[in-house]
C-alpha atoms as a PDB file:
ATOM      1  CA  MET A   1      35.622  -4.753  -1.301  1.00  0.00           C
ATOM      2  CA  THR A   2      35.794  -8.197  -0.113  1.00  0.00           C
ATOM      3  CA  ILE A   3      33.638 -11.355   1.204  1.00  0.00           C
ATOM      4  CA  GLN A   4      34.691 -10.364   4.732  1.00  0.00           C
ATOM      5  CA  ASP A   5      33.831  -6.540   4.407  1.00  0.00           C
ATOM      6  CA  ILE A   6      30.139  -7.705   3.574  1.00  0.00           C
ATOM      7  CA  ARG A   7      29.766 -10.348   6.037  1.00  0.00           C
ATOM      8  CA  SER A   8      31.156  -7.531   8.464  1.00  0.00           C
ATOM      9  CA  PHE A   9      28.557  -5.165   7.836  1.00  0.00           C
ATOM     10  CA  ASN A  10      26.175  -7.909   7.855  1.00  0.00           C
ATOM     11  CA  ARG A  11      27.121  -8.460  11.453  1.00  0.00           C
ATOM     12  CA  PHE A  12      27.157  -4.619  12.296  1.00  0.00           C
ATOM     13  CA  TYR A  13      23.432  -4.287  10.985  1.00  0.00           C
ATOM     14  CA  THR A  14      21.714  -7.138  12.091  1.00  0.00           C
ATOM     15  CA  ASN A  15      22.930  -6.152  16.070  1.00  0.00           C
ATOM     16  CA  VAL A  16      22.196  -2.374  14.820  1.00  0.00           C
ATOM     17  CA  ILE A  17      18.074  -3.833  14.058  1.00  0.00           C
ATOM     18  CA  GLY A  18      18.466  -6.235  16.449  1.00  0.00           C
ATOM     19  CA  ALA A  19      17.206  -8.902  13.928  1.00  0.00           C
ATOM     20  CA  LEU A  20      18.819 -11.897  16.223  1.00  0.00           C
ATOM     21  CA  ASP A  21      16.226 -10.807  18.947  1.00  0.00           C
ATOM     22  CA  TYR A  22      13.536 -10.048  17.108  1.00  0.00           C
ATOM     23  CA  SER A  23      10.607 -10.842  19.537  1.00  0.00           C
ATOM     24  CA  ARG A  24      12.033  -9.601  22.412  1.00  0.00           C
ATOM     25  CA  GLN A  25      12.884  -6.026  20.511  1.00  0.00           C
ATOM     26  CA  LEU A  26       9.378  -5.343  19.403  1.00  0.00           C
ATOM     27  CA  TYR A  27       7.703  -7.164  22.631  1.00  0.00           C
ATOM     28  CA  ALA A  28       6.076  -9.618  19.930  1.00  0.00           C
ATOM     29  CA  PRO A  29       5.866 -13.373  19.828  1.00  0.00           C
ATOM     30  CA  TYR A  30       7.069 -13.678  16.268  1.00  0.00           C
ATOM     31  CA  THR A  31      10.409 -14.746  14.684  1.00  0.00           C
ATOM     32  CA  LEU A  32      11.555 -12.193  12.265  1.00  0.00           C
ATOM     33  CA  THR A  33      10.505 -14.565   9.212  1.00  0.00           C
ATOM     34  CA  GLU A  34       7.168 -14.757  11.028  1.00  0.00           C
ATOM     35  CA  ALA A  35       6.970 -11.095  11.106  1.00  0.00           C
ATOM     36  CA  ARG A  36       7.750 -10.351   7.560  1.00  0.00           C
ATOM     37  CA  VAL A  37       5.382 -12.838   6.307  1.00  0.00           C
ATOM     38  CA  LEU A  38       2.729 -11.465   8.177  1.00  0.00           C
ATOM     39  CA  TYR A  39       4.047  -8.170   6.590  1.00  0.00           C
ATOM     40  CA  GLU A  40       3.820  -9.439   3.088  1.00  0.00           C
ATOM     41  CA  LEU A  41      -0.110 -10.599   3.716  1.00  0.00           C
ATOM     42  CA  ALA A  42      -1.281  -7.254   4.945  1.00  0.00           C
ATOM     43  CA  HIS A  43       0.656  -5.445   1.862  1.00  0.00           C
ATOM     44  CA  ALA A  44       1.422  -7.517  -1.019  1.00  0.00           C
ATOM     45  CA  PRO A  45      -0.648  -7.588  -3.691  1.00  0.00           C
ATOM     46  CA  ARG A  46      -0.884 -11.637  -4.249  1.00  0.00           C
ATOM     47  CA  THR A  47      -1.446 -13.796  -1.291  1.00  0.00           C
ATOM     48  CA  ASP A  48      -1.655 -17.435  -2.718  1.00  0.00           C
ATOM     49  CA  ALA A  49       1.261 -19.702  -0.623  1.00  0.00           C
ATOM     50  CA  ALA A  50       3.331 -20.231  -3.613  1.00  0.00           C
ATOM     51  CA  ASP A  51       3.628 -16.236  -4.046  1.00  0.00           C
ATOM     52  CA  LEU A  52       4.495 -16.048  -1.113  1.00  0.00           C
ATOM     53  CA  ARG A  53       7.535 -19.083  -1.196  1.00  0.00           C
ATOM     54  CA  THR A  54       8.506 -17.145  -4.021  1.00  0.00           C
ATOM     55  CA  GLU A  55       8.443 -13.498  -2.784  1.00  0.00           C
ATOM     56  CA  LEU A  56      10.251 -14.672   0.772  1.00  0.00           C
ATOM     57  CA  SER A  57      12.328 -17.690  -0.734  1.00  0.00           C
ATOM     58  CA  LEU A  58      11.382 -19.422   1.431  1.00  0.00           C
ATOM     59  CA  ASP A  59      11.131 -23.240   2.153  1.00  0.00           C
ATOM     60  CA  ALA A  60       8.381 -24.901   0.736  1.00  0.00           C
ATOM     61  CA  GLY A  61       7.741 -26.949   4.261  1.00  0.00           C
ATOM     62  CA  TYR A  62       9.238 -23.857   6.378  1.00  0.00           C
ATOM     63  CA  LEU A  63       6.415 -21.814   4.954  1.00  0.00           C
ATOM     64  CA  SER A  64       3.469 -24.343   5.375  1.00  0.00           C
ATOM     65  CA  ARG A  65       4.403 -24.631   9.027  1.00  0.00           C
ATOM     66  CA  ILE A  66       4.369 -21.227   9.869  1.00  0.00           C
ATOM     67  CA  LEU A  67       1.182 -20.752   8.106  1.00  0.00           C
ATOM     68  CA  ALA A  68      -0.404 -23.559  10.153  1.00  0.00           C
ATOM     69  CA  LYS A  69       1.009 -21.739  13.270  1.00  0.00           C
ATOM     70  CA  PHE A  70      -1.085 -18.665  11.989  1.00  0.00           C
ATOM     71  CA  GLU A  71      -3.987 -20.453  10.801  1.00  0.00           C
ATOM     72  CA  GLN A  72      -4.274 -22.541  14.586  1.00  0.00           C
ATOM     73  CA  ASP A  73      -3.704 -18.833  16.272  1.00  0.00           C
ATOM     74  CA  GLY A  74      -6.238 -17.758  14.193  1.00  0.00           C
ATOM     75  CA  LEU A  75      -4.739 -15.273  12.078  1.00  0.00           C
ATOM     76  CA  ILE A  76      -5.583 -16.081   8.882  1.00  0.00           C
ATOM     77  CA  GLU A  77      -7.889 -18.337   6.457  1.00  0.00           C
ATOM     78  CA  ARG A  78      -6.661 -20.668   3.896  1.00  0.00           C
ATOM     79  CA  ALA A  79      -8.832 -21.418   1.001  1.00  0.00           C
ATOM     80  CA  PRO A  80      -8.467 -22.561  -3.084  1.00  0.00           C
ATOM     81  CA  SER A  81      -7.463 -19.400  -5.633  1.00  0.00           C
ATOM     82  CA  GLU A  82     -10.225 -18.408  -6.746  1.00  0.00           C
ATOM     83  CA  LYS A  83      -8.255 -18.205 -10.028  1.00  0.00           C
ATOM     84  CA  ASP A  84      -6.361 -20.985  -9.816  1.00  0.00           C
ATOM     85  CA  THR A  85      -8.340 -23.853  -7.347  1.00  0.00           C
ATOM     86  CA  ARG A  86      -4.428 -25.791  -7.249  1.00  0.00           C
ATOM     87  CA  ARG A  87      -3.152 -22.742  -5.561  1.00  0.00           C
ATOM     88  CA  ARG A  88      -3.957 -21.817  -1.829  1.00  0.00           C
ATOM     89  CA  ARG A  89      -5.244 -18.287  -0.974  1.00  0.00           C
ATOM     90  CA  VAL A  90      -3.973 -16.875   2.511  1.00  0.00           C
ATOM     91  CA  THR A  91      -5.710 -14.191   3.652  1.00  0.00           C
ATOM     92  CA  LEU A  92      -5.674 -12.418   7.130  1.00  0.00           C
ATOM     93  CA  THR A  93      -8.503 -12.607   9.537  1.00  0.00           C
ATOM     94  CA  ALA A  94      -9.306  -9.220  11.708  1.00  0.00           C
ATOM     95  CA  ARG A  95      -7.148 -10.719  14.750  1.00  0.00           C
ATOM     96  CA  GLY A  96      -4.091 -11.307  12.170  1.00  0.00           C
ATOM     97  CA  ARG A  97      -4.616  -7.813  10.901  1.00  0.00           C
ATOM     98  CA  GLU A  98      -4.775  -6.337  14.364  1.00  0.00           C
ATOM     99  CA  ALA A  99      -1.242  -8.330  14.930  1.00  0.00           C
ATOM    100  CA  ALA A 100       0.381  -7.169  11.310  1.00  0.00           C
ATOM    101  CA  ASP A 101      -0.753  -3.643  12.150  1.00  0.00           C
ATOM    102  CA  LEU A 102       0.958  -3.992  16.018  1.00  0.00           C
ATOM    103  CA  LEU A 103       3.962  -5.622  14.222  1.00  0.00           C
ATOM    104  CA  ASP A 104       4.128  -2.697  11.987  1.00  0.00           C
ATOM    105  CA  GLU A 105       3.368   0.297  15.118  1.00  0.00           C
ATOM    106  CA  ARG A 106       6.240  -1.127  16.666  1.00  0.00           C
ATOM    107  CA  SER A 107       8.421  -1.342  13.714  1.00  0.00           C
ATOM    108  CA  ARG A 108       8.178   1.926  13.311  1.00  0.00           C
ATOM    109  CA  GLU A 109       8.803   3.149  16.681  1.00  0.00           C
ATOM    110  CA  ALA A 110      11.916   1.202  16.795  1.00  0.00           C
ATOM    111  CA  VAL A 111      13.191   2.475  13.055  1.00  0.00           C
ATOM    112  CA  GLY A 112      12.307   5.983  14.657  1.00  0.00           C
ATOM    113  CA  SER A 113      14.038   5.503  17.625  1.00  0.00           C
ATOM    114  CA  LEU A 114      17.544   4.366  16.002  1.00  0.00           C
ATOM    115  CA  LEU A 115      16.585   7.254  12.968  1.00  0.00           C
ATOM    116  CA  ALA A 116      16.549   9.782  16.186  1.00  0.00           C
ATOM    117  CA  THR A 117      20.199   9.082  17.213  1.00  0.00           C
ATOM    118  CA  VAL A 118      21.284  10.467  13.548  1.00  0.00           C
ATOM    119  CA  PRO A 119      21.871  14.421  13.335  1.00  0.00           C
ATOM    120  CA  ALA A 120      19.682  15.829  10.668  1.00  0.00           C
ATOM    121  CA  ASN A 121      22.287  16.832   8.810  1.00  0.00           C
ATOM    122  CA  GLU A 122      23.714  13.425   8.375  1.00  0.00           C
ATOM    123  CA  ARG A 123      20.380  11.544   6.963  1.00  0.00           C
ATOM    124  CA  PRO A 124      20.324  12.593   3.494  1.00  0.00           C
ATOM    125  CA  ARG A 125      23.982  11.165   3.288  1.00  0.00           C
ATOM    126  CA  LEU A 126      22.431   7.707   5.070  1.00  0.00           C
ATOM    127  CA  ALA A 127      19.334   7.534   2.404  1.00  0.00           C
ATOM    128  CA  ASP A 128      21.617   8.364  -0.388  1.00  0.00           C
ATOM    129  CA  ALA A 129      24.241   5.012   0.962  1.00  0.00           C
ATOM    130  CA  MET A 130      21.139   2.919   1.309  1.00  0.00           C
ATOM    131  CA  ARG A 131      19.951   3.527  -2.257  1.00  0.00           C
ATOM    132  CA  THR A 132      23.582   3.096  -3.445  1.00  0.00           C
ATOM    133  CA  ILE A 133      23.452  -0.304  -1.954  1.00  0.00           C
ATOM    134  CA  ARG A 134      19.844  -1.233  -3.438  1.00  0.00           C
ATOM    135  CA  ASP A 135      20.887  -0.008  -6.756  1.00  0.00           C
ATOM    136  CA  VAL A 136      24.278  -1.806  -6.503  1.00  0.00           C
ATOM    137  CA  LEU A 137      22.910  -5.488  -5.586  1.00  0.00           C
ATOM    138  CA  SER A 138      19.700  -4.912  -7.601  1.00  0.00           C
ATOM    139  CA  ALA A 139      21.875  -5.248 -11.089  1.00  0.00           C
ATOM    140  CA  GLY A 140      19.865  -2.841 -12.782  1.00  0.00           C
ATOM    141  CA  ARG A 141      16.785  -4.905 -12.625  1.00  0.00           C
ATOM    142  CA  ALA A 142      13.792  -3.263 -14.055  1.00  0.00           C
ATOM    143  CA  PRO A 143      11.128  -2.538 -11.352  1.00  0.00           C
ATOM    144  CA  ARG A 144       8.074  -5.517 -11.078  1.00  0.00           C
ATOM    145  CA  GLY A 145       4.723  -5.266  -9.937  1.00  0.00           C
ATOM    146  CA  GLU A 146       5.774  -7.735  -7.143  1.00  0.00           C
ATOM    147  CA  ASP A 147       7.929  -5.340  -5.628  1.00  0.00           C
ATOM    148  CA  VAL A 148       5.260  -2.708  -4.791  1.00  0.00           C
ATOM    149  CA  VAL A 149       4.416  -2.527  -1.353  1.00  0.00           C
ATOM    150  CA  LEU A 150       0.962  -1.119  -0.466  1.00  0.00           C
ATOM    151  CA  ARG A 151       1.098   0.220   3.346  1.00  0.00           C
ATOM    152  CA  ASP A 152      -0.395   2.246   5.725  1.00  0.00           C
ATOM    153  CA  PRO A 153       0.659   6.742   5.741  1.00  0.00           C
ATOM    154  CA  GLY A 154       4.003   7.179   7.581  1.00  0.00           C
ATOM    155  CA  PRO A 155       4.635  10.802   8.791  1.00  0.00           C
ATOM    156  CA  GLY A 156       4.748  13.373   5.905  1.00  0.00           C
ATOM    157  CA  ASP A 157       3.037  11.136   3.501  1.00  0.00           C
ATOM    158  CA  LEU A 158      -0.199  12.831   3.280  1.00  0.00           C
ATOM    159  CA  GLY A 159       1.776  16.019   2.712  1.00  0.00           C
ATOM    160  CA  TRP A 160       3.026  13.794  -0.368  1.00  0.00           C
ATOM    161  CA  ILE A 161      -0.541  13.051  -1.466  1.00  0.00           C
ATOM    162  CA  VAL A 162      -1.445  16.857  -1.819  1.00  0.00           C
ATOM    163  CA  GLN A 163       2.055  18.044  -3.340  1.00  0.00           C
ATOM    164  CA  ARG A 164       2.300  15.152  -5.753  1.00  0.00           C
ATOM    165  CA  ASN A 165      -1.640  15.474  -6.748  1.00  0.00           C
ATOM    166  CA  ALA A 166      -0.762  19.587  -7.382  1.00  0.00           C
ATOM    167  CA  ALA A 167       2.343  18.837  -9.352  1.00  0.00           C
ATOM    168  CA  LEU A 168       1.235  15.620 -11.477  1.00  0.00           C
ATOM    169  CA  TYR A 169      -2.233  17.506 -12.415  1.00  0.00           C
ATOM    170  CA  SER A 170      -0.780  20.744 -13.387  1.00  0.00           C
ATOM    171  CA  ALA A 171       2.090  19.133 -15.475  1.00  0.00           C
ATOM    172  CA  GLU A 172      -0.527  16.982 -17.277  1.00  0.00           C
ATOM    173  CA  HIS A 173      -3.567  18.594 -17.469  1.00  0.00           C
ATOM    174  CA  GLY A 174      -2.875  22.037 -16.630  1.00  0.00           C
ATOM    175  CA  TRP A 175      -5.055  22.240 -13.527  1.00  0.00           C
ATOM    176  CA  ASN A 176      -4.686  25.472 -11.363  1.00  0.00           C
ATOM    177  CA  THR A 177      -4.088  25.467  -7.605  1.00  0.00           C
ATOM    178  CA  ASP A 178      -8.064  25.458  -6.671  1.00  0.00           C
ATOM    179  CA  TYR A 179      -7.539  21.490  -7.214  1.00  0.00           C
ATOM    180  CA  GLU A 180      -4.274  21.850  -4.986  1.00  0.00           C
ATOM    181  CA  GLY A 181      -6.741  23.059  -2.438  1.00  0.00           C
ATOM    182  CA  LEU A 182      -9.539  20.360  -2.844  1.00  0.00           C
ATOM    183  CA  VAL A 183      -7.034  18.104  -2.125  1.00  0.00           C
ATOM    184  CA  ALA A 184      -5.470  19.500   0.552  1.00  0.00           C
ATOM    185  CA  ARG A 185      -9.096  20.226   2.609  1.00  0.00           C
ATOM    186  CA  ILE A 186      -9.842  16.365   1.499  1.00  0.00           C
ATOM    187  CA  VAL A 187      -6.377  15.310   3.108  1.00  0.00           C
ATOM    188  CA  ALA A 188      -6.785  17.706   6.271  1.00  0.00           C
ATOM    189  CA  ASP A 189     -10.412  16.258   6.487  1.00  0.00           C
ATOM    190  CA  PHE A 190      -9.064  12.654   6.846  1.00  0.00           C
ATOM    191  CA  ALA A 191      -6.243  13.620   9.182  1.00  0.00           C
ATOM    192  CA  GLU A 192      -7.973  15.356  11.682  1.00  0.00           C
ATOM    193  CA  ASP A 193     -11.253  13.313  11.717  1.00  0.00           C
ATOM    194  CA  HIS A 194     -11.643   9.837  10.350  1.00  0.00           C
ATOM    195  CA  ASP A 195     -12.779   6.142  11.673  1.00  0.00           C
ATOM    196  CA  PRO A 196      -9.689   3.904  11.049  1.00  0.00           C
ATOM    197  CA  HIS A 197     -12.126   0.309  11.191  1.00  0.00           C
ATOM    198  CA  LEU A 198     -13.897   2.002   8.402  1.00  0.00           C
ATOM    199  CA  GLU A 199     -11.443   4.720   6.181  1.00  0.00           C
ATOM    200  CA  ARG A 200      -7.921   4.179   4.926  1.00  0.00           C
ATOM    201  CA  VAL A 201      -5.315   5.795   2.824  1.00  0.00           C
ATOM    202  CA  TRP A 202      -3.088   3.316   1.113  1.00  0.00           C
ATOM    203  CA  ILE A 203       0.543   4.657  -0.042  1.00  0.00           C
ATOM    204  CA  ALA A 204       2.314   2.085  -2.995  1.00  0.00           C
ATOM    205  CA  GLU A 205       5.692   2.164  -2.486  1.00  0.00           C
ATOM    206  CA  LEU A 206       8.633   1.125  -4.934  1.00  0.00           C
ATOM    207  CA  ASP A 207      11.948   0.631  -4.039  1.00  0.00           C
ATOM    208  CA  GLY A 208      11.832   2.596  -0.693  1.00  0.00           C
ATOM    209  CA  ARG A 209       9.948   5.698  -2.129  1.00  0.00           C
ATOM    210  CA  PRO A 210       6.092   6.502  -2.669  1.00  0.00           C
ATOM    211  CA  VAL A 211       5.028   6.038  -6.519  1.00  0.00           C
ATOM    212  CA  GLY A 212       0.893   6.046  -5.699  1.00  0.00           C
ATOM    213  CA  CYS A 213      -1.839   6.515  -3.070  1.00  0.00           C
ATOM    214  CA  VAL A 214      -5.295   6.132  -3.205  1.00  0.00           C
ATOM    215  CA  MET A 215      -8.084   6.761  -0.124  1.00  0.00           C
ATOM    216  CA  CYS A 216     -11.445   4.900   1.371  1.00  0.00           C
ATOM    217  CA  VAL A 217     -13.629   7.171   3.102  1.00  0.00           C
ATOM    218  CA  ARG A 218     -17.775   7.633   4.223  1.00  0.00           C
ATOM    219  CA  ASP A 219     -19.708   8.599   1.557  1.00  0.00           C
ATOM    220  CA  GLU A 220     -22.589  10.750   2.457  1.00  0.00           C
ATOM    221  CA  ALA A 221     -24.950   8.244   1.484  1.00  0.00           C
ATOM    222  CA  PRO A 222     -25.660   5.074   4.396  1.00  0.00           C
ATOM    223  CA  GLY A 223     -23.439   1.897   3.258  1.00  0.00           C
ATOM    224  CA  ALA A 224     -21.802   3.812   0.971  1.00  0.00           C
ATOM    225  CA  ALA A 225     -17.948   3.999   0.531  1.00  0.00           C
ATOM    226  CA  ARG A 226     -16.009   6.447  -1.448  1.00  0.00           C
ATOM    227  CA  LEU A 227     -12.561   6.018  -3.736  1.00  0.00           C
ATOM    228  CA  ARG A 228     -10.499   9.509  -3.508  1.00  0.00           C
ATOM    229  CA  LEU A 229      -7.355  10.592  -4.963  1.00  0.00           C
ATOM    230  CA  LEU A 230      -5.767   7.474  -7.317  1.00  0.00           C
ATOM    231  CA  LEU A 231      -2.173   8.481  -8.033  1.00  0.00           C
ATOM    232  CA  VAL A 232       0.562   6.670  -9.544  1.00  0.00           C
ATOM    233  CA  GLU A 233       3.765   8.458 -10.401  1.00  0.00           C
ATOM    234  CA  PRO A 234       4.441   8.619 -14.329  1.00  0.00           C
ATOM    235  CA  ASP A 235       7.726   6.520 -13.954  1.00  0.00           C
ATOM    236  CA  ALA A 236       5.821   4.007 -12.009  1.00  0.00           C
ATOM    237  CA  ARG A 237       3.117   3.123 -14.403  1.00  0.00           C
ATOM    238  CA  GLY A 238       2.752   0.031 -16.586  1.00  0.00           C
ATOM    239  CA  LEU A 239       3.549  -2.152 -13.378  1.00  0.00           C
ATOM    240  CA  GLY A 240      -0.190  -2.336 -12.474  1.00  0.00           C
ATOM    241  CA  ILE A 241       0.035  -0.214  -9.336  1.00  0.00           C
ATOM    242  CA  GLY A 242      -3.266   1.535 -10.263  1.00  0.00           C
ATOM    243  CA  ASP A 243      -4.809  -1.761 -10.116  1.00  0.00           C
ATOM    244  CA  GLN A 244      -3.550  -2.656  -7.308  1.00  0.00           C
ATOM    245  CA  LEU A 245      -4.159   0.239  -5.359  1.00  0.00           C
ATOM    246  CA  VAL A 246      -8.396   0.251  -6.691  1.00  0.00           C
ATOM    247  CA  ARG A 247      -8.196  -3.494  -5.486  1.00  0.00           C
ATOM    248  CA  ALA A 248      -7.342  -3.052  -2.023  1.00  0.00           C
ATOM    249  CA  CYS A 249      -9.211  -0.370  -1.639  1.00  0.00           C
ATOM    250  CA  ILE A 250     -12.025  -2.763  -2.537  1.00  0.00           C
ATOM    251  CA  GLU A 251     -11.279  -5.655  -0.569  1.00  0.00           C
ATOM    252  CA  PHE A 252     -11.507  -3.121   2.134  1.00  0.00           C
ATOM    253  CA  ALA A 253     -14.510  -1.691   1.697  1.00  0.00           C
ATOM    254  CA  ARG A 254     -16.362  -5.642   1.095  1.00  0.00           C
ATOM    255  CA  GLY A 255     -14.575  -6.525   4.023  1.00  0.00           C
ATOM    256  CA  VAL A 256     -15.957  -3.940   6.854  1.00  0.00           C
ATOM    257  CA  GLY A 257     -19.186  -4.357   5.546  1.00  0.00           C
ATOM    258  CA  TYR A 258     -19.916  -1.125   2.821  1.00  0.00           C
ATOM    259  CA  ARG A 259     -22.776  -1.912   0.623  1.00  0.00           C
ATOM    260  CA  GLU A 260     -21.313   0.088  -2.561  1.00  0.00           C
ATOM    261  CA  MET A 261     -18.168   2.009  -3.467  1.00  0.00           C
ATOM    262  CA  VAL A 262     -18.938   5.460  -5.498  1.00  0.00           C
ATOM    263  CA  LEU A 263     -16.332   7.717  -7.406  1.00  0.00           C
ATOM    264  CA  TRP A 264     -16.308  10.693  -8.667  1.00  0.00           C
ATOM    265  CA  THR A 265     -13.813  11.961 -11.645  1.00  0.00           C
ATOM    266  CA  ASN A 266     -13.353  13.514 -14.967  1.00  0.00           C
ATOM    267  CA  ASP A 267     -13.561  12.272 -18.653  1.00  0.00           C
ATOM    268  CA  ALA A 268      -9.457  13.569 -19.204  1.00  0.00           C
ATOM    269  CA  LEU A 269      -8.813  11.030 -17.230  1.00  0.00           C
ATOM    270  CA  THR A 270      -8.788   8.185 -19.140  1.00  0.00           C
ATOM    271  CA  ALA A 271      -6.069   5.891 -17.896  1.00  0.00           C
ATOM    272  CA  ALA A 272      -8.320   5.771 -14.072  1.00  0.00           C
ATOM    273  CA  ARG A 273     -11.599   5.319 -16.038  1.00  0.00           C
ATOM    274  CA  ARG A 274      -9.887   1.919 -17.774  1.00  0.00           C
ATOM    275  CA  ILE A 275      -8.758   0.776 -14.346  1.00  0.00           C
ATOM    276  CA  TYR A 276     -12.102   1.446 -13.009  1.00  0.00           C
ATOM    277  CA  GLN A 277     -13.670  -0.273 -15.529  1.00  0.00           C
ATOM    278  CA  ARG A 278     -11.805  -3.332 -15.103  1.00  0.00           C
ATOM    279  CA  HIS A 279     -12.809  -3.798 -11.631  1.00  0.00           C
ATOM    280  CA  GLY A 280     -16.427  -3.404 -12.079  1.00  0.00           C
ATOM    281  CA  PHE A 281     -17.399  -0.018 -11.913  1.00  0.00           C
ATOM    282  CA  VAL A 282     -20.430   1.633 -13.803  1.00  0.00           C
ATOM    283  CA  LEU A 283     -20.831   4.924 -15.022  1.00  0.00           C
ATOM    284  CA  LEU A 284     -23.830   6.555 -13.632  1.00  0.00           C
ATOM    285  CA  ALA A 285     -23.937  10.197 -14.791  1.00  0.00           C
ATOM    286  CA  GLU A 286     -21.808  12.989 -16.744  1.00  0.00           C
ATOM    287  CA  LYS A 287     -22.069  17.114 -15.779  1.00  0.00           C
ATOM    288  CA  PRO A 288     -19.927  19.300 -18.039  1.00  0.00           C
ATOM    289  CA  HIS A 289     -18.525  21.765 -15.587  1.00  0.00           C
ATOM    290  CA  ARG A 290     -15.389  24.523 -15.869  1.00  0.00           C
ATOM    291  CA  SER A 291     -12.802  23.971 -12.312  1.00  0.00           C
ATOM    292  CA  PHE A 292      -9.228  24.021 -11.849  1.00  0.00           C
ATOM    293  CA  GLY A 293      -8.842  26.470 -14.817  1.00  0.00           C
ATOM    294  CA  VAL A 294     -10.543  23.844 -17.183  1.00  0.00           C
ATOM    295  CA  ASP A 295     -13.579  22.899 -19.193  1.00  0.00           C
ATOM    296  CA  LEU A 296     -13.804  19.169 -17.705  1.00  0.00           C
ATOM    297  CA  VAL A 297     -17.128  16.395 -17.537  1.00  0.00           C
ATOM    298  CA  GLY A 298     -17.132  15.211 -14.878  1.00  0.00           C
ATOM    299  CA  GLN A 299     -18.442  11.795 -13.853  1.00  0.00           C
ATOM    300  CA  ASP A 300     -19.956   9.569 -11.353  1.00  0.00           C
ATOM    301  CA  TRP A 301     -19.072   6.284 -11.080  1.00  0.00           C
ATOM    302  CA  ARG A 302     -20.362   3.214  -8.854  1.00  0.00           C
ATOM    303  CA  LEU A 303     -19.705  -0.372  -7.853  1.00  0.00           C
ATOM    304  CA  ASP A 304     -22.283  -2.713  -5.825  1.00  0.00           C
ATOM    305  CA  LEU A 305     -20.152  -4.543  -3.838  1.00  0.00           C
ATOM    306  CA  HIS A 306     -21.983  -7.375  -3.427  1.00  0.00           C
ATOM    307  CA  SER A 307     -22.853  -8.228  -7.301  1.00  0.00           C
ATOM    308  CA  GLY A 308     -19.431 -10.646  -7.416  1.00  0.00           C
ATOM    309  CA  GLN A 309     -16.020 -10.201  -6.469  1.00  0.00           C
ATOM    310  CA  ASP A 310     -13.721  -8.096  -8.188  1.00  0.00           C
END
């Protein structure tokens, strides 16, 4: 391979995806760089200006001008970081979230149109080639928490949640298909009837593949949100993905006006319980039960969303 080979491929691919005329391609008033900043603000676990600059390898002045434009347009708010007042935390406003969601939707449509031109029998070969490029150019670097992206579910992701929950809990805890049935009902209820303003699912993605998930849905109790189906793949644990997912759930629930967040788990899930405790959940009650083919102790946990910031 020569330098010219890579440059030729770059020219080919930027033409294929319309990178040189991004705003016209997606019918949006943003450049490719501006759209990427919006995407990071909507999905990245940390949104300090310094983190954005590092993650996107952007010149500080250039990023500052983009953020100033977003602030003027009412897309973001900037304030001193709660953890370090020398840093500036950047958060999307409701208008900014709508803009990011619209861009994400149009990007999915554009990629879907591109993929529709690829014969079904060629798609695995294309996916393998893309993974090969990523693996080779990453030079075997170990994954980091910063590489994880939290995103909305795409086609097939809800089915993935059911399949991975069933497979992992069977392998790690010996649970039977009753649990798969429970997860399937939870996911089906969400897919068939949910309020997108008050309920949400996140998929944690690493190197182009899903490695975790969580759901925030309305609870029966007025003013309460319920956290459900937190999961992290075994080979992706240790990167703080569970914390990212729970934090996203809490921030969303707090942002849309829930007063409290509740969840039900079991004593055997020690890693998940440690995450809940780190984020301020308090154990309310325990009750032995036999479910999913094993003896368990069910636990109810609660977080007051107005008692302090996560």
